[in-house]
C-alpha cells in the first residue's frame, strides 16, 4: 500500500501519490508539492459519530413492516377461512344463487 500512497504534508493521513487534493483535510497537494516549504502539520480530524444506519438498525427497520404484513395476511386468511366455513355449513355448495338457477 505504501507504494501507491504517501502521507499528506498537512494532516498526515495517507493519500494517493497522484492525488491533487487530500480527501481528509482538503489541502491542495499540487501547490504543496510545488512549493519549497511544506505547511505545518495539522491535527488529524476527530471522527464524528456516524448517523448512517448500521446493519443491525437496518434489520430492525425492515423487520417491523414485514411482521405487520405477516400479521395482516394471517388475519385476512382467518377471515376468508371463516367465510368459507360458513358458506359450506349452510348446505349451499353452489356458487350460482338459487334465484338465477331457475332461468
N, C-alpha and C. Protein backbone atom coordinates (compact mmCIF):
# COMPACT_ATOMS: atom_id res chain seq x y z
N UNK A 1 0.83 -1.19 0.00
CA UNK A 1 0.00 0.00 0.00
C UNK A 1 0.87 1.25 0.00
N UNK A 2 2.02 1.18 0.62
CA UNK A 2 2.92 2.32 0.69
C UNK A 2 3.44 2.71 -0.69
N UNK A 3 3.46 1.76 -1.65
CA UNK A 3 3.98 2.06 -2.98
C UNK A 3 3.09 3.06 -3.70
N UNK A 4 1.80 3.07 -3.40
CA UNK A 4 0.87 3.96 -4.09
C UNK A 4 0.40 5.13 -3.25
N UNK A 5 0.73 5.14 -1.97
CA UNK A 5 0.25 6.18 -1.08
C UNK A 5 1.41 6.88 -0.38
N UNK A 6 1.15 8.09 0.03
CA UNK A 6 2.10 8.86 0.81
C UNK A 6 1.34 9.64 1.87
N UNK A 7 2.05 10.14 2.84
CA UNK A 7 1.39 10.92 3.89
C UNK A 7 1.16 12.34 3.41
N UNK A 8 0.00 12.87 3.74
CA UNK A 8 -0.31 14.27 3.42
C UNK A 8 0.61 15.16 4.26
N UNK A 9 1.26 16.15 3.65
CA UNK A 9 2.15 17.01 4.42
C UNK A 9 1.40 17.88 5.44
N UNK A 10 0.11 18.03 5.25
CA UNK A 10 -0.65 18.90 6.15
C UNK A 10 -1.27 18.14 7.32
N UNK A 11 -1.97 17.01 7.03
CA UNK A 11 -2.67 16.31 8.11
C UNK A 11 -2.04 14.96 8.46
N UNK A 12 -1.19 14.44 7.60
CA UNK A 12 -0.51 13.19 7.90
C UNK A 12 -1.27 11.94 7.51
N UNK A 13 -2.44 12.08 6.93
CA UNK A 13 -3.23 10.92 6.51
C UNK A 13 -2.68 10.39 5.18
N UNK A 14 -2.93 9.10 4.92
CA UNK A 14 -2.46 8.51 3.67
C UNK A 14 -3.33 8.96 2.51
N UNK A 15 -2.68 9.44 1.45
CA UNK A 15 -3.38 9.83 0.22
C UNK A 15 -2.63 9.22 -0.96
N UNK A 16 -3.30 9.09 -2.08
CA UNK A 16 -2.68 8.54 -3.27
C UNK A 16 -1.59 9.49 -3.76
N UNK A 17 -0.51 8.96 -4.31
CA UNK A 17 0.62 9.78 -4.72
C UNK A 17 0.27 10.76 -5.84
N UNK A 18 -0.69 10.43 -6.67
CA UNK A 18 -1.05 11.33 -7.77
C UNK A 18 -2.26 12.20 -7.44
N UNK A 19 -2.71 12.16 -6.19
CA UNK A 19 -3.88 12.95 -5.80
C UNK A 19 -3.56 14.43 -5.85
N UNK A 20 -4.52 15.21 -6.28
CA UNK A 20 -4.35 16.66 -6.33
C UNK A 20 -4.81 17.34 -5.06
N UNK A 21 -5.69 16.66 -4.32
CA UNK A 21 -6.26 17.24 -3.10
C UNK A 21 -6.38 16.12 -2.06
N UNK A 22 -6.07 16.45 -0.82
CA UNK A 22 -6.19 15.47 0.27
C UNK A 22 -7.68 15.25 0.56
N UNK A 23 -8.09 14.00 0.61
CA UNK A 23 -9.50 13.72 0.86
C UNK A 23 -9.88 13.91 2.33
N UNK A 24 -8.89 14.07 3.19
CA UNK A 24 -9.16 14.23 4.62
C UNK A 24 -9.22 15.71 5.04
N UNK A 25 -8.20 16.47 4.66
CA UNK A 25 -8.15 17.88 5.09
C UNK A 25 -8.39 18.85 3.95
N UNK A 26 -8.57 18.33 2.73
CA UNK A 26 -8.86 19.13 1.53
C UNK A 26 -7.72 20.06 1.15
N UNK A 27 -6.49 19.74 1.56
CA UNK A 27 -5.34 20.57 1.21
C UNK A 27 -4.99 20.37 -0.25
N UNK A 28 -4.56 21.45 -0.93
CA UNK A 28 -4.15 21.38 -2.32
C UNK A 28 -2.75 20.79 -2.39
N UNK A 29 -2.65 19.51 -2.73
CA UNK A 29 -1.37 18.82 -2.71
C UNK A 29 -0.47 19.24 -3.86
N UNK A 30 -1.06 19.68 -4.96
CA UNK A 30 -0.25 20.14 -6.10
C UNK A 30 0.53 21.38 -5.70
N UNK A 31 -0.14 22.31 -5.02
CA UNK A 31 0.53 23.54 -4.59
C UNK A 31 1.57 23.24 -3.51
N UNK A 32 1.23 22.33 -2.61
CA UNK A 32 2.17 22.00 -1.53
C UNK A 32 3.40 21.30 -2.09
N UNK A 33 3.21 20.38 -3.02
CA UNK A 33 4.35 19.68 -3.62
C UNK A 33 5.22 20.63 -4.43
N UNK A 34 4.60 21.62 -5.05
CA UNK A 34 5.35 22.57 -5.87
C UNK A 34 6.11 23.59 -5.04
N UNK A 35 5.66 23.87 -3.85
CA UNK A 35 6.34 24.87 -3.02
C UNK A 35 7.53 24.23 -2.32
N UNK A 36 8.50 25.05 -1.98
CA UNK A 36 9.70 24.52 -1.33
C UNK A 36 9.47 24.25 0.14
N UNK A 37 8.58 24.97 0.74
CA UNK A 37 8.30 24.75 2.16
C UNK A 37 6.94 24.09 2.34
N UNK A 38 6.90 23.12 3.19
CA UNK A 38 5.65 22.41 3.44
C UNK A 38 4.88 23.13 4.54
N UNK A 39 3.57 22.98 4.50
CA UNK A 39 2.74 23.57 5.54
C UNK A 39 2.97 22.82 6.85
N UNK A 40 2.76 23.48 7.97
CA UNK A 40 2.91 22.77 9.24
C UNK A 40 1.83 21.69 9.36
N UNK A 41 2.17 20.58 9.98
CA UNK A 41 1.18 19.51 10.11
C UNK A 41 -0.01 19.95 10.95
N UNK A 42 -1.17 19.52 10.51
CA UNK A 42 -2.40 19.86 11.20
C UNK A 42 -2.88 18.64 11.96
N UNK A 43 -3.56 18.87 13.04
CA UNK A 43 -4.08 17.75 13.84
C UNK A 43 -5.07 16.96 13.00
N UNK A 44 -5.08 15.66 13.19
CA UNK A 44 -6.00 14.79 12.46
C UNK A 44 -7.43 15.13 12.84
N UNK A 45 -8.34 15.11 11.90
CA UNK A 45 -9.74 15.43 12.22
C UNK A 45 -10.33 14.39 13.16
N UNK A 46 -11.16 14.86 14.07
CA UNK A 46 -11.84 13.96 15.01
C UNK A 46 -12.97 13.25 14.29
N UNK A 47 -13.09 11.99 14.55
CA UNK A 47 -14.16 11.20 13.93
C UNK A 47 -15.49 11.57 14.56
N UNK A 48 -16.45 11.92 13.71
CA UNK A 48 -17.78 12.24 14.18
C UNK A 48 -18.60 10.96 14.24
N UNK A 49 -19.54 10.89 15.16
CA UNK A 49 -20.38 9.70 15.20
C UNK A 49 -21.18 9.57 13.91
N UNK A 50 -21.19 8.39 13.38
CA UNK A 50 -21.87 8.14 12.12
C UNK A 50 -23.38 8.15 12.33
N UNK A 51 -24.08 8.86 11.45
CA UNK A 51 -25.53 8.90 11.51
C UNK A 51 -26.14 7.96 10.48
N UNK A 52 -25.27 7.17 9.84
CA UNK A 52 -25.77 6.21 8.87
C UNK A 52 -26.34 5.01 9.62
N UNK A 53 -27.19 4.28 8.92
CA UNK A 53 -27.76 3.08 9.50
C UNK A 53 -26.70 1.99 9.56
N UNK A 54 -26.66 1.31 10.65
CA UNK A 54 -25.79 0.15 10.74
C UNK A 54 -26.57 -1.06 10.27
N UNK A 55 -25.90 -2.18 10.15
CA UNK A 55 -26.59 -3.38 9.68
C UNK A 55 -27.70 -3.79 10.64
N UNK A 56 -27.45 -3.65 11.93
CA UNK A 56 -28.47 -4.08 12.90
C UNK A 56 -29.66 -3.15 12.89
N UNK A 57 -29.44 -1.84 12.76
CA UNK A 57 -30.58 -0.92 12.73
C UNK A 57 -31.35 -1.07 11.43
N UNK A 58 -30.67 -1.41 10.35
CA UNK A 58 -31.37 -1.63 9.08
C UNK A 58 -32.23 -2.88 9.18
N UNK A 59 -31.74 -3.91 9.87
CA UNK A 59 -32.54 -5.11 10.06
C UNK A 59 -33.78 -4.81 10.87
N UNK A 60 -33.62 -3.98 11.90
CA UNK A 60 -34.77 -3.64 12.73
C UNK A 60 -35.82 -2.87 11.94
N UNK A 61 -35.39 -1.97 11.08
CA UNK A 61 -36.35 -1.16 10.34
C UNK A 61 -37.07 -1.97 9.27
N UNK A 62 -36.48 -3.06 8.80
CA UNK A 62 -37.17 -3.88 7.80
C UNK A 62 -37.98 -4.99 8.45
N UNK A 63 -37.68 -5.35 9.66
CA UNK A 63 -38.42 -6.42 10.32
C UNK A 63 -39.82 -5.99 10.72
N UNK A 64 -39.99 -4.77 11.17
CA UNK A 64 -41.29 -4.32 11.65
C UNK A 64 -42.33 -4.32 10.53
N UNK A 65 -42.08 -3.72 9.37
CA UNK A 65 -43.10 -3.78 8.31
C UNK A 65 -43.39 -5.21 7.86
N UNK A 66 -42.38 -6.06 7.84
CA UNK A 66 -42.61 -7.45 7.46
C UNK A 66 -43.47 -8.17 8.48
N UNK A 67 -43.25 -7.90 9.75
CA UNK A 67 -44.06 -8.53 10.79
C UNK A 67 -45.51 -8.05 10.71
N UNK A 68 -45.70 -6.77 10.44
CA UNK A 68 -47.06 -6.23 10.31
C UNK A 68 -47.76 -6.85 9.10
N UNK A 69 -47.04 -6.96 7.97
CA UNK A 69 -47.63 -7.55 6.77
C UNK A 69 -47.99 -9.02 7.01
N UNK A 70 -47.14 -9.75 7.72
CA UNK A 70 -47.44 -11.16 8.02
C UNK A 70 -48.67 -11.27 8.92
N UNK A 71 -48.79 -10.39 9.89
CA UNK A 71 -49.94 -10.41 10.79
C UNK A 71 -51.23 -10.10 10.03
N UNK A 72 -51.18 -9.11 9.15
CA UNK A 72 -52.36 -8.78 8.35
C UNK A 72 -52.75 -9.93 7.42
N UNK A 73 -51.76 -10.60 6.84
CA UNK A 73 -52.05 -11.74 5.98
C UNK A 73 -52.68 -12.88 6.78
N UNK A 74 -52.21 -13.09 8.00
CA UNK A 74 -52.78 -14.13 8.86
C UNK A 74 -54.22 -13.81 9.21
N UNK A 75 -54.50 -12.57 9.55
CA UNK A 75 -55.87 -12.16 9.90
C UNK A 75 -56.78 -12.29 8.68
N UNK A 76 -56.30 -11.88 7.50
CA UNK A 76 -57.11 -11.99 6.28
C UNK A 76 -57.38 -13.45 5.95
N UNK A 77 -56.40 -14.31 6.12
CA UNK A 77 -56.58 -15.74 5.86
C UNK A 77 -57.60 -16.35 6.80
N UNK A 78 -57.55 -15.94 8.07
CA UNK A 78 -58.52 -16.46 9.03
C UNK A 78 -59.92 -15.99 8.69
N UNK A 79 -60.06 -14.76 8.23
CA UNK A 79 -61.36 -14.23 7.84
C UNK A 79 -61.93 -14.94 6.64
N UNK A 80 -61.08 -15.19 5.65
CA UNK A 80 -61.53 -15.92 4.45
C UNK A 80 -61.91 -17.35 4.82
N UNK A 81 -61.15 -17.96 5.70
CA UNK A 81 -61.46 -19.32 6.15
C UNK A 81 -62.78 -19.39 6.87
N UNK A 82 -63.07 -18.40 7.71
CA UNK A 82 -64.33 -18.37 8.44
C UNK A 82 -65.50 -18.19 7.49
N UNK A 83 -65.34 -17.35 6.48
CA UNK A 83 -66.41 -17.15 5.49
C UNK A 83 -66.64 -18.43 4.69
N UNK A 84 -65.57 -19.10 4.32
CA UNK A 84 -65.72 -20.34 3.56
C UNK A 84 -66.41 -21.41 4.41
N UNK A 85 -66.08 -21.48 5.67
CA UNK A 85 -66.69 -22.46 6.57
C UNK A 85 -68.18 -22.18 6.72
N UNK A 86 -68.53 -20.92 6.85
CA UNK A 86 -69.94 -20.53 6.98
C UNK A 86 -70.71 -20.86 5.70
N UNK A 87 -70.07 -20.61 4.56
CA UNK A 87 -70.70 -20.87 3.28
C UNK A 87 -70.94 -22.37 3.10
N UNK A 88 -69.97 -23.19 3.46
CA UNK A 88 -70.11 -24.63 3.30
C UNK A 88 -71.05 -25.23 4.34
N UNK A 89 -71.14 -24.64 5.51
CA UNK A 89 -72.01 -25.15 6.57
C UNK A 89 -73.48 -24.88 6.25
N UNK A 90 -73.76 -23.90 5.43
CA UNK A 90 -75.15 -23.57 5.12
C UNK A 90 -75.76 -24.58 4.16
N UNK A 91 -74.98 -25.48 3.61
CA UNK A 91 -75.50 -26.50 2.70
C UNK A 91 -75.57 -26.02 1.27
N UNK A 92 -75.35 -24.80 1.04
CA UNK A 92 -75.38 -24.23 -0.30
C UNK A 92 -73.99 -24.36 -0.90
N UNK A 93 -73.76 -25.41 -1.65
CA UNK A 93 -72.44 -25.66 -2.21
C UNK A 93 -72.30 -25.08 -3.61
N UNK A 94 -73.34 -24.49 -4.11
CA UNK A 94 -73.29 -23.91 -5.45
C UNK A 94 -72.90 -22.45 -5.37
N UNK A 95 -72.13 -22.03 -6.32
CA UNK A 95 -71.71 -20.64 -6.37
C UNK A 95 -72.79 -19.79 -7.01
N UNK A 96 -73.62 -20.39 -7.84
CA UNK A 96 -74.69 -19.65 -8.52
C UNK A 96 -75.85 -19.50 -7.55
N UNK A 97 -76.38 -18.27 -7.38
CA UNK A 97 -77.52 -18.07 -6.47
C UNK A 97 -78.74 -18.85 -6.95
N UNK A 98 -79.58 -19.28 -5.99
CA UNK A 98 -80.74 -20.09 -6.31
C UNK A 98 -81.73 -19.35 -7.20
N UNK A 99 -81.81 -18.04 -7.10
CA UNK A 99 -82.73 -17.28 -7.94
C UNK A 99 -82.32 -17.31 -9.41
N UNK A 100 -81.04 -17.45 -9.67
CA UNK A 100 -80.56 -17.45 -11.06
C UNK A 100 -80.57 -18.85 -11.65
N UNK A 101 -80.74 -19.91 -10.86
CA UNK A 101 -80.71 -21.29 -11.36
C UNK A 101 -81.96 -21.64 -12.16
N UNK A 102 -83.08 -21.10 -11.81
CA UNK A 102 -84.32 -21.44 -12.44
C UNK A 102 -84.52 -20.82 -13.81
N UNK A 103 -83.75 -19.98 -14.25
CA UNK A 103 -83.94 -19.29 -15.52
C UNK A 103 -83.65 -20.14 -16.67
